[in-house]
C-alpha cells in the first residue's frame, strides 16, 4: 500500500498512472480535515479530522474510492467529535460505517454476506468495533469476497 499526504491529489494520481476522475471531479476536501491517498486493490482518499470537539458521533464514512466507472464515490462524509477517535480500540463507540477501502460495513447482527463470530448489541448496528481486541476498529464487510477489514478510525 502506498500512502500520499498532499493537497495536490490530481498530480500524484496522474504521476502514478491512475485516472479516476482527475479531470472531472476529484473528491472535495471536507472542512477541518486533511487527507491521504492510498493505493491497495482500489484507489481511496481517506479524510482525517484535524481536531475533535465535544459531541456525539454521526454516521459517516470518511473514504472516497475510485469506482469501476473511473469516478470518485461521492457519499463520503466525516464526523469530528471526541467519539470519532479512540484511545483503546475495544472502547470505540463512534459511528464510522465503512472500511479503509470504502466498503460498507455489515450489520453485526446479520448473517449475510458473512456469518459473524461476534454478536454485538443491536446499537452497534454496522459501526466499526473491535470485539476481538486487535488494537484497531474493524467490521465485517458487505462484500461477499472480503470477510472483514479494518476501519478508517484514528487514535485520539
C-alpha atoms as a PDB file:
ATOM      1  CA  UNK A   1       0.000   0.000   0.000  1.00  0.00           C
ATOM      2  CA  UNK A   2       1.220   3.480  -0.821  1.00  0.00           C
ATOM      3  CA  UNK A   3       0.073   6.493   1.180  1.00  0.00           C
ATOM      4  CA  UNK A   4       0.468  10.043  -0.017  1.00  0.00           C
ATOM      5  CA  UNK A   5      -0.450  13.101   2.020  1.00  0.00           C
ATOM      6  CA  UNK A   6      -0.666  16.151  -0.183  1.00  0.00           C
ATOM      7  CA  UNK A   7      -3.013  18.943  -1.152  1.00  0.00           C
ATOM      8  CA  UNK A   8      -2.414  18.057  -4.794  1.00  0.00           C
ATOM      9  CA  UNK A   9      -4.184  14.720  -5.281  1.00  0.00           C
ATOM     10  CA  UNK A  10      -4.552  15.173  -9.032  1.00  0.00           C
ATOM     11  CA  UNK A  11      -0.796  15.463  -9.586  1.00  0.00           C
ATOM     12  CA  UNK A  12       0.043  12.300  -7.632  1.00  0.00           C
ATOM     13  CA  UNK A  13      -2.689  10.261  -9.236  1.00  0.00           C
ATOM     14  CA  UNK A  14      -1.510  11.326 -12.695  1.00  0.00           C
ATOM     15  CA  UNK A  15       2.115  10.528 -11.871  1.00  0.00           C
ATOM     16  CA  UNK A  16       1.202   7.073 -10.621  1.00  0.00           C
ATOM     17  CA  UNK A  17      -0.901   6.383 -13.701  1.00  0.00           C
ATOM     18  CA  UNK A  18      -4.381   6.453 -12.191  1.00  0.00           C
ATOM     19  CA  UNK A  19      -7.069   8.421 -13.963  1.00  0.00           C
ATOM     20  CA  UNK A  20     -10.012   8.299 -11.590  1.00  0.00           C
ATOM     21  CA  UNK A  21     -11.972  11.447 -12.303  1.00  0.00           C
ATOM     22  CA  UNK A  22      -8.846  13.573 -12.272  1.00  0.00           C
ATOM     23  CA  UNK A  23     -10.160  15.996 -14.833  1.00  0.00           C
ATOM     24  CA  UNK A  24     -13.819  15.799 -13.802  1.00  0.00           C
ATOM     25  CA  UNK A  25     -14.346  15.717 -10.070  1.00  0.00           C
ATOM     26  CA  UNK A  26     -11.666  14.723  -7.602  1.00  0.00           C
ATOM     27  CA  UNK A  27     -13.049  14.388  -4.040  1.00  0.00           C
ATOM     28  CA  UNK A  28     -13.800  17.727  -2.431  1.00  0.00           C
ATOM     29  CA  UNK A  29     -11.877  18.329   0.771  1.00  0.00           C
ATOM     30  CA  UNK A  30     -14.067  18.215   3.857  1.00  0.00           C
ATOM     31  CA  UNK A  31     -13.871  21.032   6.463  1.00  0.00           C
ATOM     32  CA  UNK A  32     -11.458  20.545   9.403  1.00  0.00           C
ATOM     33  CA  UNK A  33      -9.651  17.659   7.672  1.00  0.00           C
ATOM     34  CA  UNK A  34      -6.563  16.566   5.866  1.00  0.00           C
ATOM     35  CA  UNK A  35      -6.495  13.536   3.619  1.00  0.00           C
ATOM     36  CA  UNK A  36      -4.371  10.626   2.498  1.00  0.00           C
ATOM     37  CA  UNK A  37      -4.372   8.850  -0.858  1.00  0.00           C
ATOM     38  CA  UNK A  38      -3.942   5.063  -0.550  1.00  0.00           C
ATOM     39  CA  UNK A  39      -3.311   2.564  -3.308  1.00  0.00           C
ATOM     40  CA  UNK A  40      -4.266  -1.019  -2.482  1.00  0.00           C
ATOM     41  CA  UNK A  41      -6.744  -3.015  -4.541  1.00  0.00           C
ATOM     42  CA  UNK A  42      -8.562   0.304  -5.131  1.00  0.00           C
ATOM     43  CA  UNK A  43      -7.531   3.943  -5.004  1.00  0.00           C
ATOM     44  CA  UNK A  44      -9.026   5.696  -1.982  1.00  0.00           C
ATOM     45  CA  UNK A  45      -8.903   9.122  -0.393  1.00  0.00           C
ATOM     46  CA  UNK A  46      -9.304   8.975   3.388  1.00  0.00           C
ATOM     47  CA  UNK A  47     -10.222  12.128   5.291  1.00  0.00           C
ATOM     48  CA  UNK A  48      -8.957  12.617   8.857  1.00  0.00           C
ATOM     49  CA  UNK A  49     -10.068  15.205  11.392  1.00  0.00           C
ATOM     50  CA  UNK A  50      -7.552  17.918  12.260  1.00  0.00           C
ATOM     51  CA  UNK A  51      -9.209  18.346  15.658  1.00  0.00           C
ATOM     52  CA  UNK A  52     -12.084  16.877  17.646  1.00  0.00           C
ATOM     53  CA  UNK A  53     -14.845  18.701  19.508  1.00  0.00           C
ATOM     54  CA  UNK A  54     -17.173  17.535  22.253  1.00  0.00           C
ATOM     55  CA  UNK A  55     -20.307  15.873  20.939  1.00  0.00           C
ATOM     56  CA  UNK A  56     -21.944  12.739  19.661  1.00  0.00           C
ATOM     57  CA  UNK A  57     -20.692  10.909  16.604  1.00  0.00           C
ATOM     58  CA  UNK A  58     -22.787  10.977  13.436  1.00  0.00           C
ATOM     59  CA  UNK A  59     -22.988   8.095  10.931  1.00  0.00           C
ATOM     60  CA  UNK A  60     -20.168   8.580   8.481  1.00  0.00           C
ATOM     61  CA  UNK A  61     -17.702   7.111   6.020  1.00  0.00           C
ATOM     62  CA  UNK A  62     -14.597   9.292   5.582  1.00  0.00           C
ATOM     63  CA  UNK A  63     -13.484   7.442   2.427  1.00  0.00           C
ATOM     64  CA  UNK A  64     -13.963   8.277  -1.242  1.00  0.00           C
ATOM     65  CA  UNK A  65     -12.982   5.420  -3.526  1.00  0.00           C
ATOM     66  CA  UNK A  66     -12.358   5.147  -7.229  1.00  0.00           C
ATOM     67  CA  UNK A  67     -15.330   3.213  -8.592  1.00  0.00           C
ATOM     68  CA  UNK A  68     -15.328   0.857 -11.556  1.00  0.00           C
ATOM     69  CA  UNK A  69     -16.647   3.690 -13.763  1.00  0.00           C
ATOM     70  CA  UNK A  70     -13.435   5.685 -13.018  1.00  0.00           C
ATOM     71  CA  UNK A  71     -15.293   8.248 -10.944  1.00  0.00           C
ATOM     72  CA  UNK A  72     -14.869   9.062  -7.258  1.00  0.00           C
ATOM     73  CA  UNK A  73     -17.602   7.935  -4.892  1.00  0.00           C
ATOM     74  CA  UNK A  74     -19.486  10.934  -3.547  1.00  0.00           C
ATOM     75  CA  UNK A  75     -21.183   9.510  -0.452  1.00  0.00           C
ATOM     76  CA  UNK A  76     -18.250  10.251   1.882  1.00  0.00           C
ATOM     77  CA  UNK A  77     -18.614  12.449   4.960  1.00  0.00           C
ATOM     78  CA  UNK A  78     -16.974  12.853   8.346  1.00  0.00           C
ATOM     79  CA  UNK A  79     -17.839  13.491  11.964  1.00  0.00           C
ATOM     80  CA  UNK A  80     -15.141  15.105  14.125  1.00  0.00           C
ATOM     81  CA  UNK A  81     -16.336  14.666  17.705  1.00  0.00           C
ATOM     82  CA  UNK A  82     -14.492  13.141  20.644  1.00  0.00           C
ATOM     83  CA  UNK A  83     -16.408   9.893  19.915  1.00  0.00           C
ATOM     84  CA  UNK A  84     -14.816   9.644  16.448  1.00  0.00           C
ATOM     85  CA  UNK A  85     -11.363   8.591  17.617  1.00  0.00           C
ATOM     86  CA  UNK A  86     -10.126   6.019  20.108  1.00  0.00           C
ATOM     87  CA  UNK A  87      -7.548   5.588  22.844  1.00  0.00           C
ATOM     88  CA  UNK A  88      -8.429   1.910  23.337  1.00  0.00           C
ATOM     89  CA  UNK A  89      -9.839   0.180  20.278  1.00  0.00           C
ATOM     90  CA  UNK A  90     -12.168  -2.039  22.306  1.00  0.00           C
ATOM     91  CA  UNK A  91     -13.833   1.077  23.739  1.00  0.00           C
ATOM     92  CA  UNK A  92     -14.507   2.801  20.417  1.00  0.00           C
ATOM     93  CA  UNK A  93     -18.208   3.780  20.181  1.00  0.00           C
ATOM     94  CA  UNK A  94     -18.159   6.107  17.164  1.00  0.00           C
ATOM     95  CA  UNK A  95     -20.220   5.725  14.014  1.00  0.00           C
ATOM     96  CA  UNK A  96     -17.774   5.018  11.187  1.00  0.00           C
ATOM     97  CA  UNK A  97     -19.646   2.546   8.978  1.00  0.00           C
ATOM     98  CA  UNK A  98     -17.133   1.691   6.231  1.00  0.00           C
ATOM     99  CA  UNK A  99     -13.733   0.098   5.833  1.00  0.00           C
ATOM    100  CA  UNK A 100     -10.398   1.587   4.807  1.00  0.00           C
ATOM    101  CA  UNK A 101     -11.211   0.722   1.197  1.00  0.00           C
ATOM    102  CA  UNK A 102     -14.668   2.341   1.393  1.00  0.00           C
ATOM    103  CA  UNK A 103     -16.746  -0.854   1.661  1.00  0.00           C
ATOM    104  CA  UNK A 104     -19.921  -0.512   3.729  1.00  0.00           C
ATOM    105  CA  UNK A 105     -19.846  -2.495   6.966  1.00  0.00           C
ATOM    106  CA  UNK A 106     -22.235  -5.401   7.502  1.00  0.00           C
ATOM    107  CA  UNK A 107     -24.615  -5.149  10.457  1.00  0.00           C
ATOM    108  CA  UNK A 108     -23.124  -7.092  13.391  1.00  0.00           C
ATOM    109  CA  UNK A 109     -26.399  -8.952  13.939  1.00  0.00           C
ATOM    110  CA  UNK A 110     -26.939 -10.077  10.327  1.00  0.00           C
ATOM    111  CA  UNK A 111     -25.676 -13.316   8.817  1.00  0.00           C
ATOM    112  CA  UNK A 112     -25.204 -12.168   5.240  1.00  0.00           C
ATOM    113  CA  UNK A 113     -22.982 -12.000   3.427  1.00  0.00           C
ATOM    114  CA  UNK A 114     -20.846 -13.298   6.337  1.00  0.00           C
ATOM    115  CA  UNK A 115     -21.774 -15.204   9.493  1.00  0.00           C
ATOM    116  CA  UNK A 116     -20.109 -13.190  12.267  1.00  0.00           C
ATOM    117  CA  UNK A 117     -18.030 -14.726  15.048  1.00  0.00           C
ATOM    118  CA  UNK A 118     -19.208 -11.920  17.337  1.00  0.00           C
ATOM    119  CA  UNK A 119     -22.760 -10.849  18.144  1.00  0.00           C
ATOM    120  CA  UNK A 120     -22.838  -7.302  19.450  1.00  0.00           C
ATOM    121  CA  UNK A 121     -25.571  -5.217  20.994  1.00  0.00           C
ATOM    122  CA  UNK A 122     -28.112  -4.019  18.432  1.00  0.00           C
ATOM    123  CA  UNK A 123     -26.877  -0.444  18.979  1.00  0.00           C
ATOM    124  CA  UNK A 124     -23.594  -1.441  17.273  1.00  0.00           C
ATOM    125  CA  UNK A 125     -25.578  -1.501  14.007  1.00  0.00           C
ATOM    126  CA  UNK A 126     -22.995  -1.635  11.212  1.00  0.00           C
ATOM    127  CA  UNK A 127     -20.461   0.568  13.001  1.00  0.00           C
ATOM    128  CA  UNK A 128     -16.797  -0.340  13.306  1.00  0.00           C
ATOM    129  CA  UNK A 129     -15.864  -2.056  16.557  1.00  0.00           C
ATOM    130  CA  UNK A 130     -13.057  -4.198  17.964  1.00  0.00           C
ATOM    131  CA  UNK A 131     -14.634  -7.134  19.830  1.00  0.00           C
ATOM    132  CA  UNK A 132     -11.523  -9.293  19.243  1.00  0.00           C
ATOM    133  CA  UNK A 133      -9.002  -6.816  20.736  1.00  0.00           C
ATOM    134  CA  UNK A 134      -6.980  -6.462  17.529  1.00  0.00           C
ATOM    135  CA  UNK A 135      -5.920  -2.955  18.544  1.00  0.00           C
ATOM    136  CA  UNK A 136      -7.930  -1.221  15.823  1.00  0.00           C
ATOM    137  CA  UNK A 137     -11.671  -0.976  14.998  1.00  0.00           C
ATOM    138  CA  UNK A 138     -12.833  -3.221  12.136  1.00  0.00           C
ATOM    139  CA  UNK A 139     -16.030  -4.678  10.705  1.00  0.00           C
ATOM    140  CA  UNK A 140     -17.402  -7.477   8.576  1.00  0.00           C
ATOM    141  CA  UNK A 141     -17.926  -6.147   5.066  1.00  0.00           C
ATOM    142  CA  UNK A 142     -20.906  -6.243   2.725  1.00  0.00           C
ATOM    143  CA  UNK A 143     -18.563  -7.538   0.021  1.00  0.00           C
ATOM    144  CA  UNK A 144     -19.085 -11.335  -0.218  1.00  0.00           C
ATOM    145  CA  UNK A 145     -15.435 -11.742  -1.288  1.00  0.00           C
ATOM    146  CA  UNK A 146     -13.929  -9.889   1.693  1.00  0.00           C
ATOM    147  CA  UNK A 147     -14.959 -11.130   5.159  1.00  0.00           C
ATOM    148  CA  UNK A 148     -13.627  -8.246   7.257  1.00  0.00           C
ATOM    149  CA  UNK A 149     -11.391  -5.190   7.033  1.00  0.00           C
ATOM    150  CA  UNK A 150     -10.014  -2.512   9.331  1.00  0.00           C
ATOM    151  CA  UNK A 151     -11.830   0.823   9.505  1.00  0.00           C
ATOM    152  CA  UNK A 152     -10.528   4.369   8.973  1.00  0.00           C
ATOM    153  CA  UNK A 153     -10.739   5.353  12.644  1.00  0.00           C
ATOM    154  CA  UNK A 154      -7.883   7.412  14.089  1.00  0.00           C
ATOM    155  CA  UNK A 155      -6.372   7.402  17.542  1.00  0.00           C
ATOM    156  CA  UNK A 156      -7.087  10.396  19.760  1.00  0.00           C
END
